[in-house]
Amino acid sequence: MVNIKCRNISFSHIQAIFFDKNGTLENSEAYLRSLGQKAARIIDAQIPGIGEPLLMAFGINRDTLDPAGLMSVASRRETEIAAAAYIAETGRGWFESLTIARKSLEEAEKYLSTTPAPLFPGSLELLQSLSATGIKLGIISAATTAEVSDFVTRYQLNDYIQVQTGVDDGPSKPDPILFLQACQALGVEPGHSLMVGDAVGDMQMARNAQAAGCIGITWVGQSDHVQGADVVINQLDEIQIFAD
């Protein structure tokens, strides 16, 4: 077990740390904004006039992305449903609306596949230093399991990340089952595990699972997006290992 300190808060006897992906380890703001903009244009080409309302629903305002908005924190399935609801308002059937939303997001992803989001500074170094202590590491993300796997492979994190949890057709954040299942997969107790994330859903999920603690990271300096965190940091290197 390892002792972790962030600023003036200490967490003792930690067996595992789970990280969110988008906005925590991965600097995904530009990618997610472009994804939402491209998907909205594709849908607008089929249903003129729906593009602007969709962008608002996605949390996109010109060149800014709301860190607490749909594109930032929702699962892929939730994003599809939200987009389909706007499409259905135009009089189309629900299943047709879902199909349009899903295919448009898929097409947008293919268009952007050559420009993946980069790691945040310090992400790799932190994972390496934590792994070297024997602490177990995992990712719990609202992205799909395939997206989490692609991320881990792209940045060669397989030696450090032992659990890759995404959201497909099952529960999404803040359902604590995601955290509990990840703990079970690693053979650790929730009470000896930490969650590091950039959204309220990460904090709520970990708290509801009775985790040892929640570390909120806000690269943009807006702590209201991580309400419920035990401690809020602005850089990953603020997560430090200390001896008894």
Protein backbone atom coordinates (compact mmCIF):
# COMPACT_ATOMS: atom_id res chain seq x y z
CA MET A 1 0.00 0.00 0.00
CA VAL A 2 1.07 3.55 -0.72
CA ASN A 3 0.48 6.92 0.92
CA ILE A 4 -0.59 9.76 -1.37
CA LYS A 5 -0.52 13.48 -0.67
CA CYS A 6 -2.10 16.34 -2.65
CA ARG A 7 -1.45 19.81 -1.27
CA ASN A 8 -2.49 19.56 2.39
CA ILE A 9 -4.59 16.40 2.07
CA SER A 10 -3.18 12.91 2.69
CA PHE A 11 -4.60 9.50 1.75
CA SER A 12 -3.11 6.52 3.56
CA HIS A 13 -2.81 2.85 2.62
CA ILE A 14 -3.84 3.28 -1.03
CA GLN A 15 -3.88 0.15 -3.18
CA ALA A 16 -5.17 1.60 -6.46
CA ILE A 17 -5.77 4.87 -8.27
CA PHE A 18 -8.27 5.25 -11.08
CA PHE A 19 -8.12 8.08 -13.59
CA ASP A 20 -10.69 9.59 -15.89
CA LYS A 21 -9.44 9.91 -19.49
CA ASN A 22 -10.90 12.98 -21.23
CA GLY A 23 -9.81 16.15 -19.49
CA THR A 24 -7.70 14.32 -16.91
CA LEU A 25 -4.96 12.33 -18.64
CA GLU A 26 -5.86 13.39 -22.17
CA ASN A 27 -6.06 17.01 -23.35
CA SER A 28 -9.22 16.33 -25.33
CA GLU A 29 -10.88 19.77 -25.39
CA ALA A 30 -9.94 20.66 -28.97
CA TYR A 31 -10.75 17.17 -30.23
CA LEU A 32 -14.16 16.98 -28.53
CA ARG A 33 -15.06 20.48 -29.72
CA SER A 34 -14.13 19.56 -33.29
CA LEU A 35 -16.05 16.29 -32.99
CA GLY A 36 -19.21 18.08 -31.87
CA GLN A 37 -18.88 20.75 -34.54
CA LYS A 38 -18.35 18.21 -37.32
CA ALA A 39 -21.25 16.02 -36.16
CA ALA A 40 -23.54 19.06 -35.95
CA ARG A 41 -22.60 20.06 -39.52
CA ILE A 42 -23.27 16.54 -40.80
CA ILE A 43 -26.69 16.47 -39.15
CA ASP A 44 -27.47 20.02 -40.27
CA ALA A 45 -26.76 19.01 -43.87
CA GLN A 46 -29.57 16.45 -43.57
CA ILE A 47 -31.88 18.57 -41.40
CA PRO A 48 -31.21 22.27 -42.09
CA GLY A 49 -31.47 24.56 -39.08
CA ILE A 50 -30.67 21.97 -36.42
CA GLY A 51 -26.92 22.65 -36.29
CA GLU A 52 -26.92 25.63 -33.93
CA PRO A 53 -29.29 24.11 -31.35
CA LEU A 54 -27.17 20.94 -31.40
CA LEU A 55 -23.99 22.90 -30.72
CA MET A 56 -25.65 24.49 -27.70
CA ALA A 57 -26.77 21.07 -26.48
CA PHE A 58 -23.21 19.77 -26.94
CA GLY A 59 -21.86 22.59 -24.79
CA ILE A 60 -20.04 24.26 -27.70
CA ASN A 61 -20.01 28.03 -28.07
CA ARG A 62 -17.87 29.06 -31.05
CA ASP A 63 -14.32 28.10 -30.06
CA THR A 64 -15.07 27.12 -26.48
CA LEU A 65 -16.19 23.83 -24.96
CA ASP A 66 -18.04 23.73 -21.64
CA PRO A 67 -15.99 21.43 -19.34
CA ALA A 68 -19.25 20.40 -17.68
CA GLY A 69 -21.20 20.10 -20.92
CA LEU A 70 -22.48 17.12 -22.87
CA MET A 71 -19.46 16.54 -25.14
CA SER A 72 -17.08 16.83 -22.20
CA VAL A 73 -18.64 14.47 -19.67
CA ALA A 74 -21.39 12.35 -21.24
CA SER A 75 -20.96 8.83 -22.56
CA ARG A 76 -21.19 8.18 -26.27
CA ARG A 77 -24.63 6.63 -25.82
CA GLU A 78 -25.86 9.64 -23.85
CA THR A 79 -24.57 11.97 -26.55
CA GLU A 80 -26.37 9.97 -29.23
CA ILE A 81 -29.63 10.09 -27.28
CA ALA A 82 -29.35 13.83 -26.67
CA ALA A 83 -28.68 14.50 -30.37
CA ALA A 84 -31.49 12.15 -31.38
CA ALA A 85 -33.92 14.05 -29.16
CA TYR A 86 -33.23 17.24 -31.10
CA ILE A 87 -33.62 15.37 -34.38
CA ALA A 88 -36.90 13.83 -33.21
CA GLU A 89 -38.27 17.32 -32.56
CA THR A 90 -38.28 17.83 -36.34
CA GLY A 91 -40.92 15.12 -36.68
CA ARG A 92 -38.73 12.13 -37.44
CA GLY A 93 -39.32 8.79 -35.71
CA TRP A 94 -37.23 7.89 -32.71
CA PHE A 95 -35.33 4.99 -34.27
CA GLU A 96 -34.58 7.03 -37.39
CA SER A 97 -33.38 9.88 -35.16
CA LEU A 98 -31.06 7.57 -33.22
CA THR A 99 -29.64 6.18 -36.45
CA ILE A 100 -28.95 9.65 -37.84
CA ALA A 101 -27.26 10.70 -34.60
CA ARG A 102 -25.12 7.56 -34.35
CA LYS A 103 -24.00 7.57 -37.98
CA SER A 104 -23.20 11.29 -37.88
CA LEU A 105 -21.00 10.90 -34.80
CA GLU A 106 -19.28 7.90 -36.35
CA GLU A 107 -18.60 9.84 -39.56
CA ALA A 108 -17.25 12.78 -37.56
CA GLU A 109 -14.94 10.45 -35.63
CA LYS A 110 -13.56 8.96 -38.84
CA TYR A 111 -12.91 12.45 -40.17
CA LEU A 112 -10.91 13.35 -37.04
CA SER A 113 -9.18 10.00 -36.55
CA THR A 114 -5.85 11.32 -37.86
CA THR A 115 -5.66 14.03 -35.18
CA PRO A 116 -6.00 12.29 -31.79
CA ALA A 117 -5.92 14.29 -28.56
CA PRO A 118 -2.52 14.50 -26.81
CA LEU A 119 -1.60 13.54 -23.27
CA PHE A 120 -1.55 16.31 -20.70
CA PRO A 121 1.95 17.24 -19.52
CA GLY A 122 3.07 14.98 -16.72
CA SER A 123 0.55 12.20 -17.39
CA LEU A 124 3.09 9.59 -18.47
CA GLU A 125 5.59 10.52 -15.77
CA LEU A 126 2.95 10.26 -13.03
CA LEU A 127 1.73 6.86 -14.21
CA GLN A 128 5.32 5.61 -14.37
CA SER A 129 6.20 6.82 -10.86
CA LEU A 130 3.00 5.45 -9.32
CA SER A 131 3.39 2.10 -11.06
CA ALA A 132 6.95 1.80 -9.81
CA THR A 133 5.67 1.81 -6.22
CA GLY A 134 3.47 -1.21 -6.92
CA ILE A 135 0.23 0.69 -6.77
CA LYS A 136 -2.40 -0.57 -9.21
CA LEU A 137 -3.71 1.83 -11.86
CA GLY A 138 -6.80 1.95 -14.02
CA ILE A 139 -8.92 4.19 -16.23
CA ILE A 140 -12.65 4.72 -15.70
CA SER A 141 -13.98 6.81 -18.56
CA ALA A 142 -17.29 7.85 -20.08
CA ALA A 143 -15.67 7.13 -23.45
CA THR A 144 -16.34 3.74 -25.00
CA THR A 145 -14.20 0.78 -23.97
CA ALA A 146 -12.73 0.74 -27.48
CA GLU A 147 -11.75 4.40 -27.17
CA VAL A 148 -10.08 3.76 -23.82
CA SER A 149 -8.20 0.80 -25.29
CA ASP A 150 -7.08 2.87 -28.30
CA PHE A 151 -5.87 5.60 -25.97
CA VAL A 152 -3.84 3.19 -23.84
CA THR A 153 -2.32 1.56 -26.94
CA ARG A 154 -1.59 4.86 -28.73
CA TYR A 155 0.44 6.22 -25.83
CA GLN A 156 1.95 2.87 -24.84
CA LEU A 157 0.43 2.82 -21.36
CA ASN A 158 -0.24 -0.92 -21.19
CA ASP A 159 2.62 -1.44 -18.74
CA TYR A 160 0.93 0.91 -16.27
CA ILE A 161 -2.84 0.76 -16.82
CA GLN A 162 -4.18 -2.58 -15.59
CA VAL A 163 -7.91 -1.89 -15.96
CA GLN A 164 -9.51 -0.11 -18.90
CA THR A 165 -13.14 0.68 -18.12
CA GLY A 166 -15.35 2.51 -20.61
CA VAL A 167 -19.08 2.94 -21.07
CA ASP A 168 -20.81 1.01 -23.83
CA ASP A 169 -24.44 -0.03 -23.36
CA GLY A 170 -24.33 -0.28 -19.59
CA PRO A 171 -24.35 2.22 -16.72
CA SER A 172 -22.49 5.51 -17.00
CA LYS A 173 -21.04 7.94 -14.48
CA PRO A 174 -21.89 8.70 -11.72
CA ASP A 175 -23.16 5.14 -11.19
CA PRO A 176 -20.82 3.62 -8.57
CA ILE A 177 -20.96 0.21 -10.24
CA LEU A 178 -18.24 1.36 -12.65
CA PHE A 179 -15.87 2.06 -9.77
CA LEU A 180 -16.83 -1.08 -7.87
CA GLN A 181 -16.31 -3.29 -10.92
CA ALA A 182 -12.92 -1.71 -11.61
CA CYS A 183 -11.88 -2.36 -8.00
CA GLN A 184 -13.05 -5.94 -8.26
CA ALA A 185 -11.07 -6.44 -11.46
CA LEU A 186 -7.91 -5.29 -9.69
CA GLY A 187 -8.65 -7.19 -6.48
CA VAL A 188 -8.66 -4.06 -4.33
CA GLU A 189 -11.07 -2.54 -1.85
CA PRO A 190 -12.88 0.71 -2.76
CA GLY A 191 -11.87 2.06 0.66
CA HIS A 192 -8.22 1.77 -0.38
CA SER A 193 -8.71 3.32 -3.83
CA LEU A 194 -8.68 6.88 -5.18
CA MET A 195 -10.42 8.52 -8.14
CA VAL A 196 -8.81 11.32 -10.14
CA GLY A 197 -11.13 13.18 -12.50
CA ASP A 198 -12.18 16.54 -13.90
CA ALA A 199 -15.96 16.35 -13.50
CA VAL A 200 -18.64 16.18 -10.82
CA GLY A 201 -19.65 12.74 -12.12
CA ASP A 202 -16.20 11.36 -11.24
CA MET A 203 -16.49 12.68 -7.70
CA GLN A 204 -20.05 11.41 -7.21
CA MET A 205 -19.20 7.97 -8.60
CA ALA A 206 -16.25 7.51 -6.25
CA ARG A 207 -18.10 8.87 -3.22
CA ASN A 208 -21.08 6.61 -3.85
CA ALA A 209 -18.67 3.67 -4.09
CA GLN A 210 -17.15 4.70 -0.74
CA ALA A 211 -13.71 5.29 -2.21
CA ALA A 212 -10.84 6.42 0.00
CA GLY A 213 -10.90 9.79 -1.71
CA CYS A 214 -11.60 11.92 -4.75
CA ILE A 215 -8.99 14.15 -6.39
CA GLY A 216 -10.39 16.77 -8.71
CA ILE A 217 -8.15 18.17 -11.41
CA THR A 218 -9.01 21.37 -13.18
CA TRP A 219 -6.47 22.35 -15.78
CA VAL A 220 -8.56 25.44 -16.52
CA GLY A 221 -8.74 26.53 -12.87
CA GLN A 222 -12.50 26.18 -12.39
CA SER A 223 -13.04 24.16 -9.22
CA ASP A 224 -16.85 24.28 -9.46
CA HIS A 225 -16.59 21.56 -12.12
CA VAL A 226 -15.23 19.11 -9.52
CA GLN A 227 -17.56 19.80 -6.61
CA GLY A 228 -17.34 17.01 -4.06
CA ALA A 229 -13.59 16.50 -4.43
CA ASP A 230 -11.54 16.05 -1.27
CA VAL A 231 -8.81 18.15 -2.85
CA VAL A 232 -8.53 20.10 -6.11
CA ILE A 233 -5.28 20.27 -8.07
CA ASN A 234 -4.22 22.08 -11.24
CA GLN A 235 -1.39 19.79 -12.34
CA LEU A 236 -0.95 16.02 -12.14
CA ASP A 237 2.47 16.37 -10.50
CA GLU A 238 0.64 17.61 -7.39
CA ILE A 239 -0.19 13.94 -6.73
CA GLN A 240 2.79 12.91 -4.60
CA ILE A 241 3.91 9.73 -2.89
CA PHE A 242 5.12 10.03 0.70
CA ALA A 243 6.44 7.68 3.36
CA ASP A 244 4.84 7.07 6.77
